[in-house]
Amino acid sequence: MLGSARHEQDPSLLPVYDLLGEFPEFPQPGVRFVDIFPIFRSVDATTTVIDRFAEYLKDKSVDVIVGLEARGFLFAPLVAVRLGISFVPIRKEGKLPGACYKAIYEKEYGPDTFELQKDSIQVGARVAIMDDVFSTGGTAAAAERLIRMAGATVVADVFIIQGKNSNDAGVLQAPTYSLFSV
């Protein structure tokens, strides 16, 4: 697990935090991978995460939750259902059919491209972006660009984990929310 670091703001989240795994040097040297999959082994932990995200988003008049490939797909549809709103995926290039908006971004270990189907979000929609980890901000910033291309507004970027060394100043335009800082 993640060792002695603890979430300082909300002790009720410690049972969820304690489930997170850490894999240094994965998927390549210099990258520290935090594994969220153990959360799904506990119905209570999964429910806690869904509840926290839904609570944060409930007063933001969100119309759509966008989940980022791939781990953003895990919680985003569950939170969308809880809030009674739509879920839309943002995927890697070439994985969505039809006309798509495209945004290139840099991640910790190289460039990549995200796509959003052009007819998936209505102009003027209020959108929350959801992913598992906020590290460099490259993926969320690309998602924000895609949502603006669709004529919608990003009202929040939501993460399970935010790296202590991440710096969202100037990278993301919408407010960020994360359950844990590691």
C-alpha atoms as a PDB file:
ATOM      1  CA  MET A   1       0.000   0.000   0.000  1.00  0.00           C
ATOM      2  CA  LEU A   2       1.013   3.662   0.021  1.00  0.00           C
ATOM      3  CA  GLY A   3       2.808   3.580   3.351  1.00  0.00           C
ATOM      4  CA  SER A   4       2.646   6.193   6.050  1.00  0.00           C
ATOM      5  CA  ALA A   5       1.254   9.112   4.037  1.00  0.00           C
ATOM      6  CA  ARG A   6      -2.339   9.808   5.054  1.00  0.00           C
ATOM      7  CA  HIS A   7      -5.128  12.014   3.813  1.00  0.00           C
ATOM      8  CA  GLU A   8      -4.977  14.909   6.259  1.00  0.00           C
ATOM      9  CA  GLN A   9      -8.338  16.574   5.674  1.00  0.00           C
ATOM     10  CA  ASP A  10     -10.870  13.776   6.092  1.00  0.00           C
ATOM     11  CA  PRO A  11     -10.146  10.844   8.398  1.00  0.00           C
ATOM     12  CA  SER A  12     -13.338   9.090   7.235  1.00  0.00           C
ATOM     13  CA  LEU A  13     -11.577   8.430   3.932  1.00  0.00           C
ATOM     14  CA  LEU A  14      -8.724   6.462   5.529  1.00  0.00           C
ATOM     15  CA  PRO A  15     -10.342   3.044   4.892  1.00  0.00           C
ATOM     16  CA  VAL A  16     -10.444   3.914   1.165  1.00  0.00           C
ATOM     17  CA  TYR A  17      -6.919   5.348   1.186  1.00  0.00           C
ATOM     18  CA  ASP A  18      -5.551   2.226   2.862  1.00  0.00           C
ATOM     19  CA  LEU A  19      -6.748   0.144  -0.105  1.00  0.00           C
ATOM     20  CA  LEU A  20      -4.655   2.038  -2.670  1.00  0.00           C
ATOM     21  CA  GLY A  21      -1.599   0.196  -3.955  1.00  0.00           C
ATOM     22  CA  GLU A  22       1.681   1.623  -5.181  1.00  0.00           C
ATOM     23  CA  PHE A  23       3.969   0.291  -7.905  1.00  0.00           C
ATOM     24  CA  PRO A  24       7.201   2.242  -8.323  1.00  0.00           C
ATOM     25  CA  GLU A  25       8.865   2.201 -11.734  1.00  0.00           C
ATOM     26  CA  PHE A  26       5.621   1.179 -13.485  1.00  0.00           C
ATOM     27  CA  PRO A  27       4.812   1.283 -16.384  1.00  0.00           C
ATOM     28  CA  GLN A  28       8.373   2.488 -16.916  1.00  0.00           C
ATOM     29  CA  PRO A  29      11.337   3.764 -14.880  1.00  0.00           C
ATOM     30  CA  GLY A  30      10.688   7.052 -13.125  1.00  0.00           C
ATOM     31  CA  VAL A  31       6.905   6.604 -12.940  1.00  0.00           C
ATOM     32  CA  ARG A  32       5.109   5.718  -9.708  1.00  0.00           C
ATOM     33  CA  PHE A  33       1.774   4.031 -10.442  1.00  0.00           C
ATOM     34  CA  VAL A  34      -0.973   4.257  -7.819  1.00  0.00           C
ATOM     35  CA  ASP A  35      -3.450   1.393  -8.176  1.00  0.00           C
ATOM     36  CA  ILE A  36      -7.097   2.274  -7.499  1.00  0.00           C
ATOM     37  CA  PHE A  37      -8.470  -1.163  -8.424  1.00  0.00           C
ATOM     38  CA  PRO A  38      -8.434  -2.480  -4.825  1.00  0.00           C
ATOM     39  CA  ILE A  39     -11.175   0.067  -4.017  1.00  0.00           C
ATOM     40  CA  PHE A  40     -13.560  -2.070  -6.085  1.00  0.00           C
ATOM     41  CA  ARG A  41     -12.940  -5.068  -3.829  1.00  0.00           C
ATOM     42  CA  SER A  42     -14.900  -3.249  -1.140  1.00  0.00           C
ATOM     43  CA  VAL A  43     -18.507  -2.225  -1.702  1.00  0.00           C
ATOM     44  CA  ASP A  44     -18.190   0.245   1.196  1.00  0.00           C
ATOM     45  CA  ALA A  45     -15.080   1.879  -0.295  1.00  0.00           C
ATOM     46  CA  THR A  46     -16.627   2.075  -3.765  1.00  0.00           C
ATOM     47  CA  THR A  47     -19.795   3.602  -2.333  1.00  0.00           C
ATOM     48  CA  THR A  48     -17.760   6.113  -0.314  1.00  0.00           C
ATOM     49  CA  VAL A  49     -15.931   7.314  -3.432  1.00  0.00           C
ATOM     50  CA  ILE A  50     -19.168   7.600  -5.439  1.00  0.00           C
ATOM     51  CA  ASP A  51     -20.852   9.446  -2.556  1.00  0.00           C
ATOM     52  CA  ARG A  52     -17.970  11.931  -2.187  1.00  0.00           C
ATOM     53  CA  PHE A  53     -17.866  12.766  -5.882  1.00  0.00           C
ATOM     54  CA  ALA A  54     -21.666  13.074  -6.077  1.00  0.00           C
ATOM     55  CA  GLU A  55     -21.700  15.313  -2.993  1.00  0.00           C
ATOM     56  CA  TYR A  56     -19.042  17.591  -4.479  1.00  0.00           C
ATOM     57  CA  LEU A  57     -20.814  17.849  -7.857  1.00  0.00           C
ATOM     58  CA  LYS A  58     -24.463  17.994  -6.776  1.00  0.00           C
ATOM     59  CA  ASP A  59     -24.669  21.798  -6.500  1.00  0.00           C
ATOM     60  CA  LYS A  60     -22.629  22.555  -9.630  1.00  0.00           C
ATOM     61  CA  SER A  61     -25.501  22.087 -12.111  1.00  0.00           C
ATOM     62  CA  VAL A  62     -23.539  19.450 -14.031  1.00  0.00           C
ATOM     63  CA  ASP A  63     -25.228  18.079 -17.157  1.00  0.00           C
ATOM     64  CA  VAL A  64     -22.583  15.546 -18.194  1.00  0.00           C
ATOM     65  CA  ILE A  65     -19.732  13.670 -16.552  1.00  0.00           C
ATOM     66  CA  VAL A  66     -16.863  12.857 -18.882  1.00  0.00           C
ATOM     67  CA  GLY A  67     -14.636   9.920 -17.963  1.00  0.00           C
ATOM     68  CA  LEU A  68     -11.095   9.758 -19.310  1.00  0.00           C
ATOM     69  CA  GLU A  69      -9.695   6.526 -20.715  1.00  0.00           C
ATOM     70  CA  ALA A  70      -9.242   4.203 -19.055  1.00  0.00           C
ATOM     71  CA  ARG A  71      -9.624   4.418 -15.278  1.00  0.00           C
ATOM     72  CA  GLY A  72     -11.859   7.486 -15.510  1.00  0.00           C
ATOM     73  CA  PHE A  73     -14.401   5.081 -17.011  1.00  0.00           C
ATOM     74  CA  LEU A  74     -14.683   3.251 -13.690  1.00  0.00           C
ATOM     75  CA  PHE A  75     -16.237   5.874 -11.422  1.00  0.00           C
ATOM     76  CA  ALA A  76     -17.600   8.434 -13.885  1.00  0.00           C
ATOM     77  CA  PRO A  77     -20.618   6.401 -15.059  1.00  0.00           C
ATOM     78  CA  LEU A  78     -21.447   5.404 -11.475  1.00  0.00           C
ATOM     79  CA  VAL A  79     -21.406   9.020 -10.310  1.00  0.00           C
ATOM     80  CA  ALA A  80     -23.401  10.096 -13.387  1.00  0.00           C
ATOM     81  CA  VAL A  81     -26.095   7.534 -12.583  1.00  0.00           C
ATOM     82  CA  ARG A  82     -26.134   8.671  -8.932  1.00  0.00           C
ATOM     83  CA  LEU A  83     -26.668  12.273 -10.101  1.00  0.00           C
ATOM     84  CA  GLY A  84     -29.149  11.312 -12.831  1.00  0.00           C
ATOM     85  CA  ILE A  85     -27.048  12.806 -15.628  1.00  0.00           C
ATOM     86  CA  SER A  86     -25.228  11.614 -18.754  1.00  0.00           C
ATOM     87  CA  PHE A  87     -21.843   9.929 -19.012  1.00  0.00           C
ATOM     88  CA  VAL A  88     -19.598  10.487 -22.038  1.00  0.00           C
ATOM     89  CA  PRO A  89     -16.206   8.815 -22.616  1.00  0.00           C
ATOM     90  CA  ILE A  90     -13.089  10.534 -23.885  1.00  0.00           C
ATOM     91  CA  ARG A  91     -10.896   7.908 -25.500  1.00  0.00           C
ATOM     92  CA  LYS A  92      -7.504   7.459 -27.071  1.00  0.00           C
ATOM     93  CA  GLU A  93      -7.255   8.189 -30.778  1.00  0.00           C
ATOM     94  CA  GLY A  94      -8.930   5.705 -33.113  1.00  0.00           C
ATOM     95  CA  LYS A  95     -11.228   4.071 -30.539  1.00  0.00           C
ATOM     96  CA  LEU A  96     -14.414   6.068 -31.135  1.00  0.00           C
ATOM     97  CA  PRO A  97     -16.528   5.804 -34.295  1.00  0.00           C
ATOM     98  CA  GLY A  98     -17.755   8.784 -36.289  1.00  0.00           C
ATOM     99  CA  ALA A  99     -16.534  12.360 -36.392  1.00  0.00           C
ATOM    100  CA  CYS A 100     -14.401  13.325 -33.406  1.00  0.00           C
ATOM    101  CA  TYR A 101     -12.669  16.325 -31.935  1.00  0.00           C
ATOM    102  CA  LYS A 102      -8.948  15.631 -31.275  1.00  0.00           C
ATOM    103  CA  ALA A 103      -6.493  16.989 -28.722  1.00  0.00           C
ATOM    104  CA  ILE A 104      -2.807  16.062 -28.393  1.00  0.00           C
ATOM    105  CA  TYR A 105      -1.316  16.112 -24.915  1.00  0.00           C
ATOM    106  CA  GLU A 106       1.858  15.213 -23.043  1.00  0.00           C
ATOM    107  CA  LYS A 107       1.800  12.696 -20.243  1.00  0.00           C
ATOM    108  CA  GLU A 108       4.584  11.589 -17.933  1.00  0.00           C
ATOM    109  CA  TYR A 109       6.014   9.237 -20.520  1.00  0.00           C
ATOM    110  CA  GLY A 110       5.277  10.788 -23.909  1.00  0.00           C
ATOM    111  CA  PRO A 111       2.647  12.355 -26.202  1.00  0.00           C
ATOM    112  CA  ASP A 112      -0.801  10.936 -26.869  1.00  0.00           C
ATOM    113  CA  THR A 113      -4.106  11.979 -28.440  1.00  0.00           C
ATOM    114  CA  PHE A 114      -7.605  12.055 -26.958  1.00  0.00           C
ATOM    115  CA  GLU A 115     -10.846  12.108 -28.922  1.00  0.00           C
ATOM    116  CA  LEU A 116     -14.424  13.121 -28.149  1.00  0.00           C
ATOM    117  CA  GLN A 117     -17.323  12.261 -30.459  1.00  0.00           C
ATOM    118  CA  LYS A 118     -18.655  15.479 -31.975  1.00  0.00           C
ATOM    119  CA  ASP A 119     -22.305  14.743 -31.233  1.00  0.00           C
ATOM    120  CA  SER A 120     -21.834  13.483 -27.665  1.00  0.00           C
ATOM    121  CA  ILE A 121     -22.135  16.750 -25.695  1.00  0.00           C
ATOM    122  CA  GLN A 122     -24.655  19.513 -26.369  1.00  0.00           C
ATOM    123  CA  VAL A 123     -23.495  23.068 -26.920  1.00  0.00           C
ATOM    124  CA  GLY A 124     -23.794  24.947 -23.634  1.00  0.00           C
ATOM    125  CA  ALA A 125     -23.659  21.832 -21.447  1.00  0.00           C
ATOM    126  CA  ARG A 126     -21.969  22.025 -18.035  1.00  0.00           C
ATOM    127  CA  VAL A 127     -19.398  19.225 -17.804  1.00  0.00           C
ATOM    128  CA  ALA A 128     -17.363  17.590 -15.037  1.00  0.00           C
ATOM    129  CA  ILE A 129     -14.215  15.699 -16.031  1.00  0.00           C
ATOM    130  CA  MET A 130     -13.352  12.612 -14.001  1.00  0.00           C
ATOM    131  CA  ASP A 131     -10.136  10.594 -13.903  1.00  0.00           C
ATOM    132  CA  ASP A 132      -8.244   8.525 -11.374  1.00  0.00           C
ATOM    133  CA  VAL A 133      -5.006  10.510 -10.960  1.00  0.00           C
ATOM    134  CA  PHE A 134      -3.983  14.122 -11.487  1.00  0.00           C
ATOM    135  CA  SER A 135      -0.229  14.190 -12.014  1.00  0.00           C
ATOM    136  CA  THR A 136       0.947  16.555 -14.741  1.00  0.00           C
ATOM    137  CA  GLY A 137      -2.533  17.693 -15.783  1.00  0.00           C
ATOM    138  CA  GLY A 138      -1.942  16.833 -19.432  1.00  0.00           C
ATOM    139  CA  THR A 139      -4.885  14.477 -19.841  1.00  0.00           C
ATOM    140  CA  ALA A 140      -7.376  16.710 -18.029  1.00  0.00           C
ATOM    141  CA  ALA A 141      -6.157  19.798 -19.928  1.00  0.00           C
ATOM    142  CA  ALA A 142      -6.674  17.928 -23.225  1.00  0.00           C
ATOM    143  CA  ALA A 143     -10.161  16.919 -22.082  1.00  0.00           C
ATOM    144  CA  GLU A 144     -10.950  20.547 -21.207  1.00  0.00           C
ATOM    145  CA  ARG A 145      -9.888  21.578 -24.728  1.00  0.00           C
ATOM    146  CA  LEU A 146     -12.123  18.901 -26.274  1.00  0.00           C
ATOM    147  CA  ILE A 147     -15.111  20.011 -24.222  1.00  0.00           C
ATOM    148  CA  ARG A 148     -14.569  23.637 -25.255  1.00  0.00           C
ATOM    149  CA  MET A 149     -14.357  22.475 -28.909  1.00  0.00           C
ATOM    150  CA  ALA A 150     -17.823  20.949 -28.386  1.00  0.00           C
ATOM    151  CA  GLY A 151     -19.115  24.329 -27.171  1.00  0.00           C
ATOM    152  CA  ALA A 152     -19.570  23.191 -23.581  1.00  0.00           C
ATOM    153  CA  THR A 153     -18.159  24.469 -20.270  1.00  0.00           C
ATOM    154  CA  VAL A 154     -16.023  22.513 -17.816  1.00  0.00           C
ATOM    155  CA  VAL A 155     -17.227  23.223 -14.276  1.00  0.00           C
ATOM    156  CA  ALA A 156     -14.944  20.787 -12.406  1.00  0.00           C
ATOM    157  CA  ASP A 157     -12.017  18.403 -12.805  1.00  0.00           C
ATOM    158  CA  VAL A 158     -12.442  15.546 -10.318  1.00  0.00           C
ATOM    159  CA  PHE A 159      -9.801  12.972  -9.318  1.00  0.00           C
ATOM    160  CA  ILE A 160      -9.343  10.224  -6.780  1.00  0.00           C
ATOM    161  CA  ILE A 161      -5.668  11.082  -6.313  1.00  0.00           C
ATOM    162  CA  GLN A 162      -3.656  14.239  -6.827  1.00  0.00           C
ATOM    163  CA  GLY A 163       0.109  13.957  -6.742  1.00  0.00           C
ATOM    164  CA  LYS A 164       1.708  16.220  -4.139  1.00  0.00           C
ATOM    165  CA  ASN A 165       4.086  17.492  -6.800  1.00  0.00           C
ATOM    166  CA  SER A 166       1.358  18.255  -9.315  1.00  0.00           C
ATOM    167  CA  ASN A 167       0.732  21.883 -10.067  1.00  0.00           C
ATOM    168  CA  ASP A 168      -2.692  22.754 -11.427  1.00  0.00           C
ATOM    169  CA  ALA A 169      -1.990  26.498 -11.567  1.00  0.00           C
ATOM    170  CA  GLY A 170      -2.237  27.476 -15.200  1.00  0.00           C
ATOM    171  CA  VAL A 171      -2.703  23.897 -16.429  1.00  0.00           C
ATOM    172  CA  LEU A 172      -6.435  23.458 -15.827  1.00  0.00           C
ATOM    173  CA  GLN A 173      -9.074  26.134 -16.237  1.00  0.00           C
ATOM    174  CA  ALA A 174     -11.788  24.550 -14.068  1.00  0.00           C
ATOM    175  CA  PRO A 175     -11.616  24.043 -10.297  1.00  0.00           C
ATOM    176  CA  THR A 176     -10.111  20.709  -9.222  1.00  0.00           C
ATOM    177  CA  TYR A 177     -11.244  18.326  -6.507  1.00  0.00           C
ATOM    178  CA  SER A 178      -9.449  15.215  -5.342  1.00  0.00           C
ATOM    179  CA  LEU A 179     -10.015  12.770  -2.516  1.00  0.00           C
ATOM    180  CA  PHE A 180      -6.321  12.161  -1.753  1.00  0.00           C
ATOM    181  CA  SER A 181      -2.956  13.819  -2.140  1.00  0.00           C
ATOM    182  CA  VAL A 182      -0.049  11.368  -2.425  1.00  0.00           C
END
